[in-house]
Amino acid sequence: MKKALMVCACFVAALVLGTSDAGAAGFGIYGSAGGDDSSRWSIDSNPSFKVKTEHRGAGFVFDTAVAKDSFFNYQLNLGYDEFTNTNKANPVNALKLGGLMISNSFGFGIVRTDGFRLWMGPEIRLAWPKGSLSGYDYDFFGGGVGPVVGMNFNFPGNASLVVKAGYQFMTYDGKAESSTYTSYDYEIKERLIYVNVGILFRSTGDIF
């Protein structure tokens, strides 16, 4: 986890330093919620079964064009994601996972005014969820891609309300291991629908 955080920090630093107009950007915090009512779990080579997934998360957000009249914007979300999995056939014990989540949105502003920006484009999402249940430790890595749409409401001063919704085709691969070294390979297929709400504070150069 520490290595992943260091890689993320270096990536963000390189991104900020490499931006052509480093004085035009927005920084802030976000909260998110989402899930999938019919994701699929498979264990080793056994048939898959349906699982209901729920996501809750929060973290930091960086955007290269919150208010300025730019066709393109890049948005980075870096935070903690809680990932709950409930077997629909046996909903008694839910597996609660949690870990680092990074999303990279590449937006194209289709509506740009002084106080509002509507953008859409592709998003790439990466996640490292972990957790424990019934004597087993679960460790996953997930990745996915899908469309995203965002709305920036830019207020007088330097504050903006950002609402983002996405549809991600996620795949997670991982293992479950017990103290007796019994292990199973898992795969999760998820169609994640989520909504993010964030507050960003724009730098002096991020104006229309």
C-alpha atoms as a PDB file:
ATOM      1  CA  MET A   1       0.000   0.000   0.000  1.00  0.00           C
ATOM      2  CA  LYS A   2       2.809   2.429   0.832  1.00  0.00           C
ATOM      3  CA  LYS A   3       4.449   1.732  -2.530  1.00  0.00           C
ATOM      4  CA  ALA A   4       1.163   2.392  -4.342  1.00  0.00           C
ATOM      5  CA  LEU A   5       0.700   5.672  -2.469  1.00  0.00           C
ATOM      6  CA  MET A   6       4.233   6.775  -3.372  1.00  0.00           C
ATOM      7  CA  VAL A   7       3.588   5.991  -7.055  1.00  0.00           C
ATOM      8  CA  CYS A   8       0.342   7.977  -6.919  1.00  0.00           C
ATOM      9  CA  ALA A   9       2.036  10.942  -5.239  1.00  0.00           C
ATOM     10  CA  CYS A  10       4.781  11.001  -7.885  1.00  0.00           C
ATOM     11  CA  PHE A  11       2.176  10.747 -10.631  1.00  0.00           C
ATOM     12  CA  VAL A  12       0.187  13.682  -9.257  1.00  0.00           C
ATOM     13  CA  ALA A  13       3.342  15.774  -8.841  1.00  0.00           C
ATOM     14  CA  ALA A  14       4.445  15.056 -12.407  1.00  0.00           C
ATOM     15  CA  LEU A  15       0.972  15.889 -13.667  1.00  0.00           C
ATOM     16  CA  VAL A  16       0.836  19.230 -11.878  1.00  0.00           C
ATOM     17  CA  LEU A  17       4.374  20.200 -12.882  1.00  0.00           C
ATOM     18  CA  GLY A  18       3.786  19.108 -16.451  1.00  0.00           C
ATOM     19  CA  THR A  19       0.575  21.051 -16.948  1.00  0.00           C
ATOM     20  CA  SER A  20       1.105  23.830 -19.482  1.00  0.00           C
ATOM     21  CA  ASP A  21      -0.831  26.276 -17.310  1.00  0.00           C
ATOM     22  CA  ALA A  22      -0.044  25.029 -13.818  1.00  0.00           C
ATOM     23  CA  GLY A  23      -1.811  28.059 -12.317  1.00  0.00           C
ATOM     24  CA  ALA A  24      -5.153  26.926 -13.769  1.00  0.00           C
ATOM     25  CA  ALA A  25      -6.523  23.958 -11.847  1.00  0.00           C
ATOM     26  CA  GLY A  26      -8.872  22.958  -9.057  1.00  0.00           C
ATOM     27  CA  PHE A  27      -8.210  20.956  -5.897  1.00  0.00           C
ATOM     28  CA  GLY A  28     -10.700  19.633  -3.360  1.00  0.00           C
ATOM     29  CA  ILE A  29     -12.468  16.664  -1.783  1.00  0.00           C
ATOM     30  CA  TYR A  30     -15.193  14.290  -2.910  1.00  0.00           C
ATOM     31  CA  GLY A  31     -17.607  11.662  -1.631  1.00  0.00           C
ATOM     32  CA  SER A  32     -19.016   8.824  -3.706  1.00  0.00           C
ATOM     33  CA  ALA A  33     -21.644   6.091  -3.648  1.00  0.00           C
ATOM     34  CA  GLY A  34     -22.615   3.348  -6.084  1.00  0.00           C
ATOM     35  CA  GLY A  35     -22.950  -0.361  -6.710  1.00  0.00           C
ATOM     36  CA  ASP A  36     -24.228  -3.212  -8.853  1.00  0.00           C
ATOM     37  CA  ASP A  37     -27.218  -5.409  -8.023  1.00  0.00           C
ATOM     38  CA  SER A  38     -26.056  -8.320 -10.183  1.00  0.00           C
ATOM     39  CA  SER A  39     -22.261  -8.605 -10.218  1.00  0.00           C
ATOM     40  CA  ARG A  40     -20.740 -12.070 -10.708  1.00  0.00           C
ATOM     41  CA  TRP A  41     -18.267 -13.871  -8.448  1.00  0.00           C
ATOM     42  CA  SER A  42     -16.353 -16.985  -9.506  1.00  0.00           C
ATOM     43  CA  ILE A  43     -14.120 -19.184  -7.326  1.00  0.00           C
ATOM     44  CA  ASP A  44     -11.316 -21.098  -9.041  1.00  0.00           C
ATOM     45  CA  SER A  45     -12.980 -22.794 -12.040  1.00  0.00           C
ATOM     46  CA  ASN A  46     -16.417 -23.192 -10.419  1.00  0.00           C
ATOM     47  CA  PRO A  47     -19.592 -21.644 -11.872  1.00  0.00           C
ATOM     48  CA  SER A  48     -20.141 -17.999 -10.979  1.00  0.00           C
ATOM     49  CA  PHE A  49     -22.842 -16.725  -8.628  1.00  0.00           C
ATOM     50  CA  LYS A  50     -24.617 -13.397  -8.209  1.00  0.00           C
ATOM     51  CA  VAL A  51     -23.489 -10.847  -5.630  1.00  0.00           C
ATOM     52  CA  LYS A  52     -24.862  -7.425  -4.753  1.00  0.00           C
ATOM     53  CA  THR A  53     -22.083  -4.850  -4.442  1.00  0.00           C
ATOM     54  CA  GLU A  54     -22.101  -1.463  -2.744  1.00  0.00           C
ATOM     55  CA  HIS A  55     -19.443   1.244  -2.793  1.00  0.00           C
ATOM     56  CA  ARG A  56     -18.859   4.175  -0.446  1.00  0.00           C
ATOM     57  CA  GLY A  57     -15.798   6.351  -0.794  1.00  0.00           C
ATOM     58  CA  ALA A  58     -14.118   9.682  -0.128  1.00  0.00           C
ATOM     59  CA  GLY A  59     -10.861  11.355  -1.013  1.00  0.00           C
ATOM     60  CA  PHE A  60      -9.100  14.082  -2.931  1.00  0.00           C
ATOM     61  CA  VAL A  61      -9.828  15.411  -6.405  1.00  0.00           C
ATOM     62  CA  PHE A  62      -7.711  17.370  -8.898  1.00  0.00           C
ATOM     63  CA  ASP A  63      -9.072  18.871 -12.132  1.00  0.00           C
ATOM     64  CA  THR A  64      -7.165  20.749 -14.837  1.00  0.00           C
ATOM     65  CA  ALA A  65     -10.169  22.801 -16.029  1.00  0.00           C
ATOM     66  CA  VAL A  66     -12.988  23.372 -13.566  1.00  0.00           C
ATOM     67  CA  ALA A  67     -14.185  26.767 -14.815  1.00  0.00           C
ATOM     68  CA  LYS A  68     -11.903  27.909 -17.620  1.00  0.00           C
ATOM     69  CA  ASP A  69     -13.028  27.843 -21.245  1.00  0.00           C
ATOM     70  CA  SER A  70     -11.052  24.742 -22.213  1.00  0.00           C
ATOM     71  CA  PHE A  71     -12.417  21.930 -24.366  1.00  0.00           C
ATOM     72  CA  PHE A  72     -10.392  19.268 -22.527  1.00  0.00           C
ATOM     73  CA  ASN A  73     -10.052  18.537 -18.827  1.00  0.00           C
ATOM     74  CA  TYR A  74      -8.362  15.782 -16.866  1.00  0.00           C
ATOM     75  CA  GLN A  75      -9.754  14.823 -13.454  1.00  0.00           C
ATOM     76  CA  LEU A  76      -7.966  12.635 -10.907  1.00  0.00           C
ATOM     77  CA  ASN A  77      -9.747  11.088  -7.923  1.00  0.00           C
ATOM     78  CA  LEU A  78      -7.535   9.524  -5.253  1.00  0.00           C
ATOM     79  CA  GLY A  79      -9.193   8.115  -2.165  1.00  0.00           C
ATOM     80  CA  TYR A  80     -10.456   5.256  -0.027  1.00  0.00           C
ATOM     81  CA  ASP A  81     -13.254   3.019  -1.329  1.00  0.00           C
ATOM     82  CA  GLU A  82     -15.345   0.711   0.851  1.00  0.00           C
ATOM     83  CA  PHE A  83     -16.539  -2.244  -1.235  1.00  0.00           C
ATOM     84  CA  THR A  84     -19.290  -4.435   0.298  1.00  0.00           C
ATOM     85  CA  ASN A  85     -20.253  -7.755  -1.319  1.00  0.00           C
ATOM     86  CA  THR A  86     -23.432  -9.615  -0.353  1.00  0.00           C
ATOM     87  CA  ASN A  87     -24.192 -13.076  -1.729  1.00  0.00           C
ATOM     88  CA  LYS A  88     -27.803 -12.862  -2.947  1.00  0.00           C
ATOM     89  CA  ALA A  89     -28.366 -16.569  -2.231  1.00  0.00           C
ATOM     90  CA  ASN A  90     -26.961 -16.252   1.325  1.00  0.00           C
ATOM     91  CA  PRO A  91     -27.121 -12.609   2.462  1.00  0.00           C
ATOM     92  CA  VAL A  92     -26.260 -13.244   6.135  1.00  0.00           C
ATOM     93  CA  ASN A  93     -22.510 -12.560   5.999  1.00  0.00           C
ATOM     94  CA  ALA A  94     -21.422  -9.671   3.792  1.00  0.00           C
ATOM     95  CA  LEU A  95     -17.773  -9.374   2.819  1.00  0.00           C
ATOM     96  CA  LYS A  96     -16.557  -5.832   3.490  1.00  0.00           C
ATOM     97  CA  LEU A  97     -13.462  -4.830   1.547  1.00  0.00           C
ATOM     98  CA  GLY A  98     -11.670  -1.507   1.483  1.00  0.00           C
ATOM     99  CA  GLY A  99      -8.629   0.131  -0.003  1.00  0.00           C
ATOM    100  CA  LEU A 100      -7.060   2.632  -2.326  1.00  0.00           C
ATOM    101  CA  MET A 101      -9.002   3.764  -5.410  1.00  0.00           C
ATOM    102  CA  ILE A 102      -7.730   5.882  -8.319  1.00  0.00           C
ATOM    103  CA  SER A 103      -9.891   7.133 -11.166  1.00  0.00           C
ATOM    104  CA  ASN A 104      -8.686   9.028 -14.229  1.00  0.00           C
ATOM    105  CA  SER A 105     -11.341  10.938 -16.189  1.00  0.00           C
ATOM    106  CA  PHE A 106     -10.675  12.470 -19.599  1.00  0.00           C
ATOM    107  CA  GLY A 107     -13.384  15.043 -20.198  1.00  0.00           C
ATOM    108  CA  PHE A 108     -14.524  17.056 -23.193  1.00  0.00           C
ATOM    109  CA  GLY A 109     -16.529  20.187 -22.414  1.00  0.00           C
ATOM    110  CA  ILE A 110     -19.697  20.200 -24.513  1.00  0.00           C
ATOM    111  CA  VAL A 111     -21.283  23.114 -22.615  1.00  0.00           C
ATOM    112  CA  ARG A 112     -19.022  25.885 -21.270  1.00  0.00           C
ATOM    113  CA  THR A 113     -20.350  29.071 -19.701  1.00  0.00           C
ATOM    114  CA  ASP A 114     -19.156  31.469 -17.023  1.00  0.00           C
ATOM    115  CA  GLY A 115     -20.879  29.559 -14.213  1.00  0.00           C
ATOM    116  CA  PHE A 116     -21.382  26.064 -15.601  1.00  0.00           C
ATOM    117  CA  ARG A 117     -19.445  23.332 -17.402  1.00  0.00           C
ATOM    118  CA  LEU A 118     -20.892  20.069 -18.741  1.00  0.00           C
ATOM    119  CA  TRP A 119     -18.325  17.503 -19.802  1.00  0.00           C
ATOM    120  CA  MET A 120     -18.148  13.828 -20.700  1.00  0.00           C
ATOM    121  CA  GLY A 121     -15.626  11.248 -21.785  1.00  0.00           C
ATOM    122  CA  PRO A 122     -13.921   7.975 -20.821  1.00  0.00           C
ATOM    123  CA  GLU A 123     -12.712   7.031 -17.364  1.00  0.00           C
ATOM    124  CA  ILE A 124     -10.161   4.471 -16.161  1.00  0.00           C
ATOM    125  CA  ARG A 125     -10.546   3.163 -12.595  1.00  0.00           C
ATOM    126  CA  LEU A 126      -8.065   1.152 -10.492  1.00  0.00           C
ATOM    127  CA  ALA A 127      -8.666  -0.322  -7.029  1.00  0.00           C
ATOM    128  CA  TRP A 128      -6.849  -2.371  -4.384  1.00  0.00           C
ATOM    129  CA  PRO A 129      -9.557  -3.691  -1.991  1.00  0.00           C
ATOM    130  CA  LYS A 130      -8.746  -5.962   0.965  1.00  0.00           C
ATOM    131  CA  GLY A 131     -10.724  -7.501   3.813  1.00  0.00           C
ATOM    132  CA  SER A 132     -11.376 -10.497   6.062  1.00  0.00           C
ATOM    133  CA  LEU A 133     -14.300 -12.841   6.693  1.00  0.00           C
ATOM    134  CA  SER A 134     -14.705 -16.219   8.432  1.00  0.00           C
ATOM    135  CA  GLY A 135     -10.979 -16.768   8.925  1.00  0.00           C
ATOM    136  CA  TYR A 136      -9.973 -15.823   5.372  1.00  0.00           C
ATOM    137  CA  ASP A 137      -8.026 -12.773   4.212  1.00  0.00           C
ATOM    138  CA  TYR A 138      -9.089 -11.401   0.828  1.00  0.00           C
ATOM    139  CA  ASP A 139      -6.768  -9.392  -1.398  1.00  0.00           C
ATOM    140  CA  PHE A 140      -7.859  -8.037  -4.793  1.00  0.00           C
ATOM    141  CA  PHE A 141      -6.707  -5.799  -7.612  1.00  0.00           C
ATOM    142  CA  GLY A 142      -9.368  -4.313  -9.876  1.00  0.00           C
ATOM    143  CA  GLY A 143      -9.444  -2.294 -13.054  1.00  0.00           C
ATOM    144  CA  GLY A 144     -12.130  -0.990 -15.333  1.00  0.00           C
ATOM    145  CA  VAL A 145     -13.163   1.499 -17.972  1.00  0.00           C
ATOM    146  CA  GLY A 146     -16.393   3.203 -18.948  1.00  0.00           C
ATOM    147  CA  PRO A 147     -18.143   6.476 -19.744  1.00  0.00           C
ATOM    148  CA  VAL A 148     -18.463   9.383 -17.324  1.00  0.00           C
ATOM    149  CA  VAL A 149     -20.384  12.667 -17.350  1.00  0.00           C
ATOM    150  CA  GLY A 150     -19.691  15.625 -15.084  1.00  0.00           C
ATOM    151  CA  MET A 151     -21.263  18.952 -14.196  1.00  0.00           C
ATOM    152  CA  ASN A 152     -19.286  21.823 -12.650  1.00  0.00           C
ATOM    153  CA  PHE A 153     -21.266  24.570 -10.917  1.00  0.00           C
ATOM    154  CA  ASN A 154     -18.853  27.473 -10.552  1.00  0.00           C
ATOM    155  CA  PHE A 155     -19.721  30.022  -7.879  1.00  0.00           C
ATOM    156  CA  PRO A 156     -18.418  33.596  -7.516  1.00  0.00           C
ATOM    157  CA  GLY A 157     -15.021  33.527  -5.866  1.00  0.00           C
ATOM    158  CA  ASN A 158     -13.062  30.301  -6.240  1.00  0.00           C
ATOM    159  CA  ALA A 159     -15.412  27.490  -5.108  1.00  0.00           C
ATOM    160  CA  SER A 160     -17.129  24.949  -7.384  1.00  0.00           C
ATOM    161  CA  LEU A 161     -19.601  22.119  -6.819  1.00  0.00           C
ATOM    162  CA  VAL A 162     -18.759  19.140  -9.048  1.00  0.00           C
ATOM    163  CA  VAL A 163     -21.200  16.278  -9.674  1.00  0.00           C
ATOM    164  CA  LYS A 164     -19.961  13.272 -11.650  1.00  0.00           C
ATOM    165  CA  ALA A 165     -21.719  10.035 -12.653  1.00  0.00           C
ATOM    166  CA  GLY A 166     -20.089   7.010 -14.250  1.00  0.00           C
ATOM    167  CA  TYR A 167     -20.695   3.485 -15.528  1.00  0.00           C
ATOM    168  CA  GLN A 168     -17.667   1.234 -15.113  1.00  0.00           C
ATOM    169  CA  PHE A 169     -17.044  -2.272 -16.447  1.00  0.00           C
ATOM    170  CA  MET A 170     -14.891  -3.581 -13.587  1.00  0.00           C
ATOM    171  CA  THR A 171     -12.909  -6.817 -13.212  1.00  0.00           C
ATOM    172  CA  TYR A 172     -11.227  -7.815  -9.934  1.00  0.00           C
ATOM    173  CA  ASP A 173      -8.737 -10.658  -9.533  1.00  0.00           C
ATOM    174  CA  GLY A 174      -7.573 -11.853  -6.143  1.00  0.00           C
ATOM    175  CA  LYS A 175      -7.067 -14.522  -3.536  1.00  0.00           C
ATOM    176  CA  ALA A 176      -8.551 -15.655  -0.251  1.00  0.00           C
ATOM    177  CA  GLU A 177      -6.128 -17.293   2.170  1.00  0.00           C
ATOM    178  CA  SER A 178      -6.622 -18.783   5.634  1.00  0.00           C
ATOM    179  CA  SER A 179      -4.180 -19.220   8.520  1.00  0.00           C
ATOM    180  CA  THR A 180      -3.839 -22.873   7.486  1.00  0.00           C
ATOM    181  CA  TYR A 181      -2.594 -21.729   4.046  1.00  0.00           C
ATOM    182  CA  THR A 182      -5.748 -22.855   2.274  1.00  0.00           C
ATOM    183  CA  SER A 183      -6.276 -20.504  -0.667  1.00  0.00           C
ATOM    184  CA  TYR A 184      -8.798 -19.830  -3.415  1.00  0.00           C
ATOM    185  CA  ASP A 185      -8.584 -17.716  -6.556  1.00  0.00           C
ATOM    186  CA  TYR A 186     -11.431 -15.274  -7.107  1.00  0.00           C
ATOM    187  CA  GLU A 187     -12.684 -13.159  -9.975  1.00  0.00           C
ATOM    188  CA  ILE A 188     -15.376 -10.479  -9.739  1.00  0.00           C
ATOM    189  CA  LYS A 189     -17.196  -8.997 -12.731  1.00  0.00           C
ATOM    190  CA  GLU A 190     -19.002  -5.791 -11.853  1.00  0.00           C
ATOM    191  CA  ARG A 191     -20.960  -3.172 -13.772  1.00  0.00           C
ATOM    192  CA  LEU A 192     -20.537  -0.295 -11.378  1.00  0.00           C
ATOM    193  CA  ILE A 193     -22.872   2.692 -11.475  1.00  0.00           C
ATOM    194  CA  TYR A 194     -21.761   5.518  -9.183  1.00  0.00           C
ATOM    195  CA  VAL A 195     -22.173   9.197  -8.357  1.00  0.00           C
ATOM    196  CA  ASN A 196     -19.479  11.531  -6.997  1.00  0.00           C
ATOM    197  CA  VAL A 197     -20.087  14.899  -5.363  1.00  0.00           C
ATOM    198  CA  GLY A 198     -17.133  17.165  -4.691  1.00  0.00           C
ATOM    199  CA  ILE A 199     -16.171  20.643  -3.589  1.00  0.00           C
ATOM    200  CA  LEU A 200     -13.218  22.123  -5.477  1.00  0.00           C
ATOM    201  CA  PHE A 201     -11.321  25.362  -4.948  1.00  0.00           C
ATOM    202  CA  ARG A 202     -10.016  26.894  -8.137  1.00  0.00           C
ATOM    203  CA  SER A 203      -6.603  28.510  -8.521  1.00  0.00           C
ATOM    204  CA  THR A 204      -6.333  32.078  -9.796  1.00  0.00           C
ATOM    205  CA  GLY A 205      -5.842  30.963 -13.402  1.00  0.00           C
ATOM    206  CA  ASP A 206      -8.923  28.705 -13.515  1.00  0.00           C
ATOM    207  CA  ILE A 207     -11.464  31.301 -14.692  1.00  0.00           C
ATOM    208  CA  PHE A 208     -13.704  31.442 -17.736  1.00  0.00           C
END
